[in-house]
Amino acid sequence: MVDVSREGKLARFRSLHDGPGTFVIPNPWDAGSARILTALGFPALATTSAGLAFALGLKDNLSAMPRDVLLANARAIVDATHLPVSADLQDGFGQDPASVAQTIAAAAEHGLVGGSIEDATGDPSCPIHDLSLSVERVAAAAQESRRCNFVLTARAENYLWGRPDLDDTIRRLQAFEAAGAEVLYAPGLTSLEDIRTLCASVSSPVNVVMGLKGAVYTVDELAACGVRRISVGGSLARAALGGLMRAAQEIAQHGTFTYAADALSAAQAEGFMRETMAWHRPGD
């Protein structure tokens, strides 16, 4: 019997990071995609703010949605699976450390066992918080994470904002580690050499994202670099939207419906939902 209490999920989530080995934590954007990914045998799930934004018809940016909307989506995903769920908590919904700590507390209350906080500001003219404030934010998040038993991931966003400075990225992640983050994450690294250097420069587990533009590496290649966790961000949501767009273009441009041959049948879709709904116990 799988322990579906939050404490049981948290223990399983931490054991994944303790290793050995590398695991993939895919990113559903709603309850249905969470149930499919659960049925396919992944060990944990992580939410995607980008996938949620696209589902709501919004651009993916730090002002796209309020915290309660993001956390309601996370709760729906938590309720759809027996797996541990970590959340993309963006910038913590506030620049000051106290706001970031409040977001961690709210995330834990929604059944999440972990979440990430990034050091991006959302301001293109000054895209990354200075290091001292970034560390204060992570320290506040880490203190609250210890209080509510929550796995904190700290993100250094340099590479997503046109600042491909590996030395500064490593310096930031080392400071975040010292401030109490349990998992470290620098999205956008483009070479195995840089990933290997980063992993060797810190002691905590490192998350790497695949599914972005650029080089594509295998789980084995990333594991050989020392990566512990691999996420896919909003790429699964974008893949689904790509399928929708191609199917709709076929209808609009050719008046044909051959796309249906590649679609899940209704029976398959319902089968995924039945299989994973059996794990859900309301109120857990």
C-alpha atoms as a PDB file:
ATOM      1  CA  MET A   1       0.000   0.000   0.000  1.00  0.00           C
ATOM      2  CA  VAL A   2       1.380   3.375  -1.056  1.00  0.00           C
ATOM      3  CA  ASP A   3       1.435   5.982   1.713  1.00  0.00           C
ATOM      4  CA  VAL A   4      -0.500   8.877   0.167  1.00  0.00           C
ATOM      5  CA  SER A   5      -0.283  11.154   3.199  1.00  0.00           C
ATOM      6  CA  ARG A   6       1.747  14.317   2.727  1.00  0.00           C
ATOM      7  CA  GLU A   7       4.354  12.903   5.102  1.00  0.00           C
ATOM      8  CA  GLY A   8       4.618   9.733   3.033  1.00  0.00           C
ATOM      9  CA  LYS A   9       4.927  11.672  -0.203  1.00  0.00           C
ATOM     10  CA  LEU A  10       7.579  13.914   1.329  1.00  0.00           C
ATOM     11  CA  ALA A  11       9.641  10.934   2.464  1.00  0.00           C
ATOM     12  CA  ARG A  12       9.502   9.424  -1.026  1.00  0.00           C
ATOM     13  CA  PHE A  13      10.415  12.760  -2.606  1.00  0.00           C
ATOM     14  CA  ARG A  14      13.452  13.214  -0.395  1.00  0.00           C
ATOM     15  CA  SER A  15      14.564   9.637  -1.030  1.00  0.00           C
ATOM     16  CA  LEU A  16      14.561  10.327  -4.780  1.00  0.00           C
ATOM     17  CA  HIS A  17      17.005  13.187  -4.232  1.00  0.00           C
ATOM     18  CA  ASP A  18      19.151  11.111  -1.910  1.00  0.00           C
ATOM     19  CA  GLY A  19      19.786   8.749  -4.814  1.00  0.00           C
ATOM     20  CA  PRO A  20      21.397   6.784  -6.123  1.00  0.00           C
ATOM     21  CA  GLY A  21      20.584   7.554  -9.716  1.00  0.00           C
ATOM     22  CA  THR A  22      18.863  10.262 -11.704  1.00  0.00           C
ATOM     23  CA  PHE A  23      15.102  10.651 -11.982  1.00  0.00           C
ATOM     24  CA  VAL A  24      12.788  12.517 -14.344  1.00  0.00           C
ATOM     25  CA  ILE A  25      10.116  14.735 -12.814  1.00  0.00           C
ATOM     26  CA  PRO A  26       7.749  15.706 -15.665  1.00  0.00           C
ATOM     27  CA  ASN A  27       5.522  18.767 -15.548  1.00  0.00           C
ATOM     28  CA  PRO A  28       1.742  18.378 -15.919  1.00  0.00           C
ATOM     29  CA  TRP A  29      -0.360  21.494 -16.328  1.00  0.00           C
ATOM     30  CA  ASP A  30      -3.701  20.160 -15.056  1.00  0.00           C
ATOM     31  CA  ALA A  31      -5.275  17.173 -13.318  1.00  0.00           C
ATOM     32  CA  GLY A  32      -5.789  15.177 -16.524  1.00  0.00           C
ATOM     33  CA  SER A  33      -2.167  15.462 -17.654  1.00  0.00           C
ATOM     34  CA  ALA A  34      -1.093  14.627 -14.080  1.00  0.00           C
ATOM     35  CA  ARG A  35      -3.135  11.420 -14.161  1.00  0.00           C
ATOM     36  CA  ILE A  36      -1.612  10.345 -17.477  1.00  0.00           C
ATOM     37  CA  LEU A  37       1.934  10.987 -16.249  1.00  0.00           C
ATOM     38  CA  THR A  38       1.174   9.112 -13.033  1.00  0.00           C
ATOM     39  CA  ALA A  39      -0.099   6.106 -14.974  1.00  0.00           C
ATOM     40  CA  LEU A  40       3.077   6.089 -17.090  1.00  0.00           C
ATOM     41  CA  GLY A  41       5.174   5.361 -14.025  1.00  0.00           C
ATOM     42  CA  PHE A  42       7.069   8.553 -13.202  1.00  0.00           C
ATOM     43  CA  PRO A  43       8.113   8.799  -9.524  1.00  0.00           C
ATOM     44  CA  ALA A  44       7.132  12.451  -8.910  1.00  0.00           C
ATOM     45  CA  LEU A  45       5.569  15.438 -10.666  1.00  0.00           C
ATOM     46  CA  ALA A  46       6.222  19.169 -10.808  1.00  0.00           C
ATOM     47  CA  THR A  47       3.832  21.911 -11.862  1.00  0.00           C
ATOM     48  CA  THR A  48       4.602  24.327 -14.686  1.00  0.00           C
ATOM     49  CA  SER A  49       3.674  27.994 -14.547  1.00  0.00           C
ATOM     50  CA  ALA A  50       4.217  28.224 -18.312  1.00  0.00           C
ATOM     51  CA  GLY A  51       1.862  25.323 -19.034  1.00  0.00           C
ATOM     52  CA  LEU A  52      -0.761  26.809 -16.746  1.00  0.00           C
ATOM     53  CA  ALA A  53      -0.403  30.253 -18.305  1.00  0.00           C
ATOM     54  CA  PHE A  54      -0.905  28.839 -21.808  1.00  0.00           C
ATOM     55  CA  ALA A  55      -3.947  26.850 -20.654  1.00  0.00           C
ATOM     56  CA  LEU A  56      -5.434  30.081 -19.297  1.00  0.00           C
ATOM     57  CA  GLY A  57      -4.649  32.011 -22.477  1.00  0.00           C
ATOM     58  CA  LEU A  58      -1.936  34.083 -20.820  1.00  0.00           C
ATOM     59  CA  LYS A  59       1.700  34.834 -21.572  1.00  0.00           C
ATOM     60  CA  ASP A  60       4.260  33.174 -19.344  1.00  0.00           C
ATOM     61  CA  ASN A  61       5.625  35.965 -17.181  1.00  0.00           C
ATOM     62  CA  LEU A  62       5.866  36.755 -13.495  1.00  0.00           C
ATOM     63  CA  SER A  63       2.736  38.946 -13.572  1.00  0.00           C
ATOM     64  CA  ALA A  64       0.621  36.488 -15.570  1.00  0.00           C
ATOM     65  CA  MET A  65      -1.425  35.122 -12.673  1.00  0.00           C
ATOM     66  CA  PRO A  66      -1.939  35.660  -8.952  1.00  0.00           C
ATOM     67  CA  ARG A  67      -0.635  33.237  -6.370  1.00  0.00           C
ATOM     68  CA  ASP A  68      -4.055  31.811  -5.529  1.00  0.00           C
ATOM     69  CA  VAL A  69      -4.632  30.780  -9.163  1.00  0.00           C
ATOM     70  CA  LEU A  70      -1.268  29.029  -9.363  1.00  0.00           C
ATOM     71  CA  LEU A  71      -1.814  27.258  -6.048  1.00  0.00           C
ATOM     72  CA  ALA A  72      -5.353  26.193  -6.979  1.00  0.00           C
ATOM     73  CA  ASN A  73      -3.898  24.533 -10.075  1.00  0.00           C
ATOM     74  CA  ALA A  74      -1.231  22.880  -7.924  1.00  0.00           C
ATOM     75  CA  ARG A  75      -3.897  21.591  -5.531  1.00  0.00           C
ATOM     76  CA  ALA A  76      -5.817  20.051  -8.438  1.00  0.00           C
ATOM     77  CA  ILE A  77      -2.656  18.246  -9.512  1.00  0.00           C
ATOM     78  CA  VAL A  78      -1.919  17.100  -5.953  1.00  0.00           C
ATOM     79  CA  ASP A  79      -5.460  15.728  -5.691  1.00  0.00           C
ATOM     80  CA  ALA A  80      -5.117  13.863  -9.005  1.00  0.00           C
ATOM     81  CA  THR A  81      -2.131  11.702  -8.043  1.00  0.00           C
ATOM     82  CA  HIS A  82      -0.558   9.608  -5.323  1.00  0.00           C
ATOM     83  CA  LEU A  83       2.852  10.960  -6.339  1.00  0.00           C
ATOM     84  CA  PRO A  84       4.832  13.702  -4.598  1.00  0.00           C
ATOM     85  CA  VAL A  85       4.248  17.065  -6.297  1.00  0.00           C
ATOM     86  CA  SER A  86       6.635  20.017  -6.331  1.00  0.00           C
ATOM     87  CA  ALA A  87       5.549  23.429  -7.607  1.00  0.00           C
ATOM     88  CA  ASP A  88       6.957  26.133  -9.807  1.00  0.00           C
ATOM     89  CA  LEU A  89       6.464  29.044  -7.399  1.00  0.00           C
ATOM     90  CA  GLN A  90       8.016  31.587  -9.766  1.00  0.00           C
ATOM     91  CA  ASP A  91       9.607  34.475  -7.843  1.00  0.00           C
ATOM     92  CA  GLY A  92       7.727  33.682  -4.637  1.00  0.00           C
ATOM     93  CA  PHE A  93       5.086  36.335  -5.447  1.00  0.00           C
ATOM     94  CA  GLY A  94       6.945  39.216  -3.893  1.00  0.00           C
ATOM     95  CA  GLN A  95      10.395  40.729  -3.882  1.00  0.00           C
ATOM     96  CA  ASP A  96      10.765  40.894  -0.119  1.00  0.00           C
ATOM     97  CA  PRO A  97      11.844  37.790   1.820  1.00  0.00           C
ATOM     98  CA  ALA A  98       8.689  37.789   3.960  1.00  0.00           C
ATOM     99  CA  SER A  99       6.467  37.411   0.888  1.00  0.00           C
ATOM    100  CA  VAL A 100       8.554  34.505  -0.342  1.00  0.00           C
ATOM    101  CA  ALA A 101       8.229  32.776   3.041  1.00  0.00           C
ATOM    102  CA  GLN A 102       4.447  33.271   2.957  1.00  0.00           C
ATOM    103  CA  THR A 103       4.332  31.595  -0.455  1.00  0.00           C
ATOM    104  CA  ILE A 104       6.226  28.574   0.879  1.00  0.00           C
ATOM    105  CA  ALA A 105       3.771  28.260   3.767  1.00  0.00           C
ATOM    106  CA  ALA A 106       0.793  28.509   1.405  1.00  0.00           C
ATOM    107  CA  ALA A 107       2.293  25.895  -0.926  1.00  0.00           C
ATOM    108  CA  ALA A 108       2.714  23.413   1.923  1.00  0.00           C
ATOM    109  CA  GLU A 109      -0.878  24.033   2.993  1.00  0.00           C
ATOM    110  CA  HIS A 110      -1.986  23.054  -0.522  1.00  0.00           C
ATOM    111  CA  GLY A 111      -0.404  19.609  -0.153  1.00  0.00           C
ATOM    112  CA  LEU A 112       2.796  20.279  -2.054  1.00  0.00           C
ATOM    113  CA  VAL A 113       5.984  18.638  -0.799  1.00  0.00           C
ATOM    114  CA  GLY A 114       8.364  21.035  -2.532  1.00  0.00           C
ATOM    115  CA  GLY A 115       8.708  24.063  -4.740  1.00  0.00           C
ATOM    116  CA  SER A 116      11.140  26.329  -6.526  1.00  0.00           C
ATOM    117  CA  ILE A 117      11.910  30.009  -6.039  1.00  0.00           C
ATOM    118  CA  GLU A 118      13.751  31.949  -8.733  1.00  0.00           C
ATOM    119  CA  ASP A 119      15.974  35.008  -8.571  1.00  0.00           C
ATOM    120  CA  ALA A 120      14.467  36.725 -11.641  1.00  0.00           C
ATOM    121  CA  THR A 121      12.766  40.077 -11.184  1.00  0.00           C
ATOM    122  CA  GLY A 122      10.537  40.125 -14.256  1.00  0.00           C
ATOM    123  CA  ASP A 123      12.036  43.492 -15.201  1.00  0.00           C
ATOM    124  CA  PRO A 124      13.965  43.274 -18.509  1.00  0.00           C
ATOM    125  CA  SER A 125      16.042  46.324 -17.573  1.00  0.00           C
ATOM    126  CA  CYS A 126      17.244  44.612 -14.383  1.00  0.00           C
ATOM    127  CA  PRO A 127      16.311  40.960 -14.809  1.00  0.00           C
ATOM    128  CA  ILE A 128      18.076  39.349 -11.842  1.00  0.00           C
ATOM    129  CA  HIS A 129      17.938  40.321  -8.168  1.00  0.00           C
ATOM    130  CA  ASP A 130      21.293  41.304  -6.730  1.00  0.00           C
ATOM    131  CA  LEU A 131      23.016  38.488  -4.915  1.00  0.00           C
ATOM    132  CA  SER A 132      22.500  39.769  -1.379  1.00  0.00           C
ATOM    133  CA  LEU A 133      18.744  40.122  -1.788  1.00  0.00           C
ATOM    134  CA  SER A 134      18.557  36.803  -3.615  1.00  0.00           C
ATOM    135  CA  VAL A 135      20.267  35.077  -0.695  1.00  0.00           C
ATOM    136  CA  GLU A 136      17.959  36.780   1.822  1.00  0.00           C
ATOM    137  CA  ARG A 137      14.964  35.536  -0.166  1.00  0.00           C
ATOM    138  CA  VAL A 138      16.275  31.971  -0.275  1.00  0.00           C
ATOM    139  CA  ALA A 139      17.163  32.078   3.426  1.00  0.00           C
ATOM    140  CA  ALA A 140      13.624  33.164   4.330  1.00  0.00           C
ATOM    141  CA  ALA A 141      12.175  30.449   2.093  1.00  0.00           C
ATOM    142  CA  ALA A 142      14.511  27.857   3.614  1.00  0.00           C
ATOM    143  CA  GLN A 143      13.578  28.816   7.172  1.00  0.00           C
ATOM    144  CA  GLU A 144       9.874  28.458   6.364  1.00  0.00           C
ATOM    145  CA  SER A 145      10.569  25.211   4.487  1.00  0.00           C
ATOM    146  CA  ARG A 146      12.167  23.727   7.592  1.00  0.00           C
ATOM    147  CA  ARG A 147       9.178  24.804   9.666  1.00  0.00           C
ATOM    148  CA  CYS A 148       6.603  23.188   7.375  1.00  0.00           C
ATOM    149  CA  ASN A 149       8.755  20.277   6.127  1.00  0.00           C
ATOM    150  CA  PHE A 150       9.103  21.295   2.494  1.00  0.00           C
ATOM    151  CA  VAL A 151      11.830  20.648  -0.108  1.00  0.00           C
ATOM    152  CA  LEU A 152      13.070  23.996  -1.362  1.00  0.00           C
ATOM    153  CA  THR A 153      14.616  24.335  -4.823  1.00  0.00           C
ATOM    154  CA  ALA A 154      16.515  27.567  -5.505  1.00  0.00           C
ATOM    155  CA  ARG A 155      16.821  28.716  -9.109  1.00  0.00           C
ATOM    156  CA  ALA A 156      19.494  30.911 -10.686  1.00  0.00           C
ATOM    157  CA  GLU A 157      17.892  32.385 -13.808  1.00  0.00           C
ATOM    158  CA  ASN A 158      20.888  34.012 -15.528  1.00  0.00           C
ATOM    159  CA  TYR A 159      20.750  31.885 -18.673  1.00  0.00           C
ATOM    160  CA  LEU A 160      17.059  32.541 -19.291  1.00  0.00           C
ATOM    161  CA  TRP A 161      17.654  36.301 -19.208  1.00  0.00           C
ATOM    162  CA  GLY A 162      20.573  36.663 -21.597  1.00  0.00           C
ATOM    163  CA  ARG A 163      23.275  36.412 -18.930  1.00  0.00           C
ATOM    164  CA  PRO A 164      25.174  33.194 -19.749  1.00  0.00           C
ATOM    165  CA  ASP A 165      27.685  33.668 -16.945  1.00  0.00           C
ATOM    166  CA  LEU A 166      28.548  30.258 -15.538  1.00  0.00           C
ATOM    167  CA  ASP A 167      30.802  31.608 -12.787  1.00  0.00           C
ATOM    168  CA  ASP A 168      28.104  33.939 -11.469  1.00  0.00           C
ATOM    169  CA  THR A 169      25.495  31.185 -11.751  1.00  0.00           C
ATOM    170  CA  ILE A 170      27.656  28.815  -9.714  1.00  0.00           C
ATOM    171  CA  ARG A 171      28.388  31.556  -7.179  1.00  0.00           C
ATOM    172  CA  ARG A 172      24.671  32.136  -6.760  1.00  0.00           C
ATOM    173  CA  LEU A 173      23.810  28.468  -6.377  1.00  0.00           C
ATOM    174  CA  GLN A 174      26.594  27.990  -3.838  1.00  0.00           C
ATOM    175  CA  ALA A 175      25.196  30.921  -1.855  1.00  0.00           C
ATOM    176  CA  PHE A 176      21.665  29.508  -2.108  1.00  0.00           C
ATOM    177  CA  GLU A 177      22.931  26.146  -0.900  1.00  0.00           C
ATOM    178  CA  ALA A 178      24.599  27.804   2.078  1.00  0.00           C
ATOM    179  CA  ALA A 179      21.336  29.650   2.796  1.00  0.00           C
ATOM    180  CA  GLY A 180      19.454  26.353   3.121  1.00  0.00           C
ATOM    181  CA  ALA A 181      18.140  25.321  -0.312  1.00  0.00           C
ATOM    182  CA  GLU A 182      17.937  21.528  -0.662  1.00  0.00           C
ATOM    183  CA  VAL A 183      17.938  21.402  -4.484  1.00  0.00           C
ATOM    184  CA  LEU A 184      19.700  23.710  -6.945  1.00  0.00           C
ATOM    185  CA  TYR A 185      18.575  24.620 -10.456  1.00  0.00           C
ATOM    186  CA  ALA A 186      19.997  26.771 -13.256  1.00  0.00           C
ATOM    187  CA  PRO A 187      17.677  26.481 -16.277  1.00  0.00           C
ATOM    188  CA  GLY A 188      19.105  27.111 -19.721  1.00  0.00           C
ATOM    189  CA  LEU A 189      22.599  25.630 -19.469  1.00  0.00           C
ATOM    190  CA  THR A 190      23.610  24.617 -22.979  1.00  0.00           C
ATOM    191  CA  SER A 191      26.532  22.201 -22.725  1.00  0.00           C
ATOM    192  CA  LEU A 192      27.329  19.010 -20.871  1.00  0.00           C
ATOM    193  CA  GLU A 193      30.651  20.529 -19.850  1.00  0.00           C
ATOM    194  CA  ASP A 194      28.915  23.436 -18.102  1.00  0.00           C
ATOM    195  CA  ILE A 195      26.418  21.103 -16.454  1.00  0.00           C
ATOM    196  CA  ARG A 196      29.232  18.871 -15.226  1.00  0.00           C
ATOM    197  CA  THR A 197      31.141  21.865 -13.870  1.00  0.00           C
ATOM    198  CA  LEU A 198      28.080  23.148 -12.034  1.00  0.00           C
ATOM    199  CA  CYS A 199      27.286  19.767 -10.483  1.00  0.00           C
ATOM    200  CA  ALA A 200      30.877  19.401  -9.293  1.00  0.00           C
ATOM    201  CA  SER A 201      30.767  22.863  -7.709  1.00  0.00           C
ATOM    202  CA  VAL A 202      27.935  22.163  -5.261  1.00  0.00           C
ATOM    203  CA  SER A 203      27.019  19.426  -2.810  1.00  0.00           C
ATOM    204  CA  SER A 204      23.228  19.485  -3.100  1.00  0.00           C
ATOM    205  CA  PRO A 205      21.199  17.705  -5.816  1.00  0.00           C
ATOM    206  CA  VAL A 206      21.025  19.588  -9.118  1.00  0.00           C
ATOM    207  CA  ASN A 207      17.944  19.847 -11.356  1.00  0.00           C
ATOM    208  CA  VAL A 208      18.385  20.314 -15.121  1.00  0.00           C
ATOM    209  CA  VAL A 209      15.568  21.114 -17.535  1.00  0.00           C
ATOM    210  CA  MET A 210      15.186  19.456 -20.928  1.00  0.00           C
ATOM    211  CA  GLY A 211      12.697  20.347 -23.655  1.00  0.00           C
ATOM    212  CA  LEU A 212      13.972  23.865 -24.268  1.00  0.00           C
ATOM    213  CA  LYS A 213      15.496  24.932 -27.572  1.00  0.00           C
ATOM    214  CA  GLY A 214      19.068  23.891 -28.206  1.00  0.00           C
ATOM    215  CA  ALA A 215      21.010  20.760 -27.376  1.00  0.00           C
ATOM    216  CA  VAL A 216      19.095  17.668 -26.277  1.00  0.00           C
ATOM    217  CA  TYR A 217      20.772  15.232 -23.905  1.00  0.00           C
ATOM    218  CA  THR A 218      19.688  11.820 -22.655  1.00  0.00           C
ATOM    219  CA  VAL A 219      19.033  10.833 -19.066  1.00  0.00           C
ATOM    220  CA  ASP A 220      22.231   8.761 -19.119  1.00  0.00           C
ATOM    221  CA  GLU A 221      24.314  11.672 -20.402  1.00  0.00           C
ATOM    222  CA  LEU A 222      22.980  13.998 -17.730  1.00  0.00           C
ATOM    223  CA  ALA A 223      23.404  11.375 -15.018  1.00  0.00           C
ATOM    224  CA  ALA A 224      27.055  11.007 -16.010  1.00  0.00           C
ATOM    225  CA  CYS A 225      27.455  14.744 -15.361  1.00  0.00           C
ATOM    226  CA  GLY A 226      26.124  14.382 -11.822  1.00  0.00           C
ATOM    227  CA  VAL A 227      22.558  15.592 -12.414  1.00  0.00           C
ATOM    228  CA  ARG A 228      20.106  14.135  -9.905  1.00  0.00           C
ATOM    229  CA  ARG A 229      16.776  15.447 -11.229  1.00  0.00           C
ATOM    230  CA  ILE A 230      15.511  16.263 -14.752  1.00  0.00           C
ATOM    231  CA  SER A 231      12.390  18.343 -15.367  1.00  0.00           C
ATOM    232  CA  VAL A 232      10.794  19.371 -18.674  1.00  0.00           C
ATOM    233  CA  GLY A 233       9.167  22.706 -17.784  1.00  0.00           C
ATOM    234  CA  GLY A 234       6.355  23.749 -20.092  1.00  0.00           C
ATOM    235  CA  SER A 235       7.546  21.563 -22.985  1.00  0.00           C
ATOM    236  CA  LEU A 236       4.897  18.854 -22.556  1.00  0.00           C
ATOM    237  CA  ALA A 237       2.188  21.517 -22.558  1.00  0.00           C
ATOM    238  CA  ARG A 238       3.730  23.050 -25.674  1.00  0.00           C
ATOM    239  CA  ALA A 239       3.879  19.605 -27.305  1.00  0.00           C
ATOM    240  CA  ALA A 240       0.168  19.161 -26.627  1.00  0.00           C
ATOM    241  CA  LEU A 241      -0.564  22.628 -28.016  1.00  0.00           C
ATOM    242  CA  GLY A 242       1.545  21.776 -31.059  1.00  0.00           C
ATOM    243  CA  GLY A 243      -0.612  18.701 -31.685  1.00  0.00           C
ATOM    244  CA  LEU A 244      -3.753  20.803 -31.352  1.00  0.00           C
ATOM    245  CA  MET A 245      -2.418  23.421 -33.766  1.00  0.00           C
ATOM    246  CA  ARG A 246      -1.428  20.864 -36.409  1.00  0.00           C
ATOM    247  CA  ALA A 247      -4.792  19.119 -36.184  1.00  0.00           C
ATOM    248  CA  ALA A 248      -6.700  22.389 -36.447  1.00  0.00           C
ATOM    249  CA  GLN A 249      -4.547  23.532 -39.378  1.00  0.00           C
ATOM    250  CA  GLU A 250      -5.367  20.310 -41.200  1.00  0.00           C
ATOM    251  CA  ILE A 251      -9.083  20.952 -40.747  1.00  0.00           C
ATOM    252  CA  ALA A 252      -8.901  24.625 -41.652  1.00  0.00           C
ATOM    253  CA  GLN A 253      -6.552  24.297 -44.619  1.00  0.00           C
ATOM    254  CA  HIS A 254      -7.455  20.911 -46.100  1.00  0.00           C
ATOM    255  CA  GLY A 255     -10.885  20.017 -44.754  1.00  0.00           C
ATOM    256  CA  THR A 256      -9.602  16.616 -43.637  1.00  0.00           C
ATOM    257  CA  PHE A 257      -9.473  14.850 -40.288  1.00  0.00           C
ATOM    258  CA  THR A 258      -6.603  12.377 -40.502  1.00  0.00           C
ATOM    259  CA  TYR A 259      -5.127  13.774 -37.284  1.00  0.00           C
ATOM    260  CA  ALA A 260      -7.576  11.577 -35.366  1.00  0.00           C
ATOM    261  CA  ALA A 261      -5.479   8.508 -36.220  1.00  0.00           C
ATOM    262  CA  ASP A 262      -2.761   9.745 -33.847  1.00  0.00           C
ATOM    263  CA  ALA A 263      -5.110  10.883 -31.087  1.00  0.00           C
ATOM    264  CA  LEU A 264      -5.797   8.934 -27.927  1.00  0.00           C
ATOM    265  CA  SER A 265      -9.043   7.056 -28.247  1.00  0.00           C
ATOM    266  CA  ALA A 266     -11.774   7.938 -25.793  1.00  0.00           C
ATOM    267  CA  ALA A 267     -11.306   4.519 -24.195  1.00  0.00           C
ATOM    268  CA  GLN A 268      -7.555   5.100 -23.771  1.00  0.00           C
ATOM    269  CA  ALA A 269      -8.081   8.516 -22.240  1.00  0.00           C
ATOM    270  CA  GLU A 270     -10.729   7.218 -19.865  1.00  0.00           C
ATOM    271  CA  GLY A 271      -8.463   4.288 -18.995  1.00  0.00           C
ATOM    272  CA  PHE A 272      -5.706   6.626 -17.874  1.00  0.00           C
ATOM    273  CA  MET A 273      -8.156   8.564 -15.749  1.00  0.00           C
ATOM    274  CA  ARG A 274      -9.575   5.443 -14.123  1.00  0.00           C
ATOM    275  CA  GLU A 275      -6.160   3.986 -13.418  1.00  0.00           C
ATOM    276  CA  THR A 276      -4.837   7.033 -11.645  1.00  0.00           C
ATOM    277  CA  MET A 277      -8.085   8.041  -9.950  1.00  0.00           C
ATOM    278  CA  ALA A 278      -7.861   4.777  -8.027  1.00  0.00           C
ATOM    279  CA  TRP A 279      -4.870   6.220  -6.178  1.00  0.00           C
ATOM    280  CA  HIS A 280      -6.689   9.347  -5.079  1.00  0.00           C
ATOM    281  CA  ARG A 281      -8.246   9.419  -1.629  1.00  0.00           C
ATOM    282  CA  PRO A 282     -10.117  12.702  -1.076  1.00  0.00           C
ATOM    283  CA  GLY A 283      -8.964  14.462   2.057  1.00  0.00           C
ATOM    284  CA  ASP A 284      -5.481  12.889   2.144  1.00  0.00           C
END
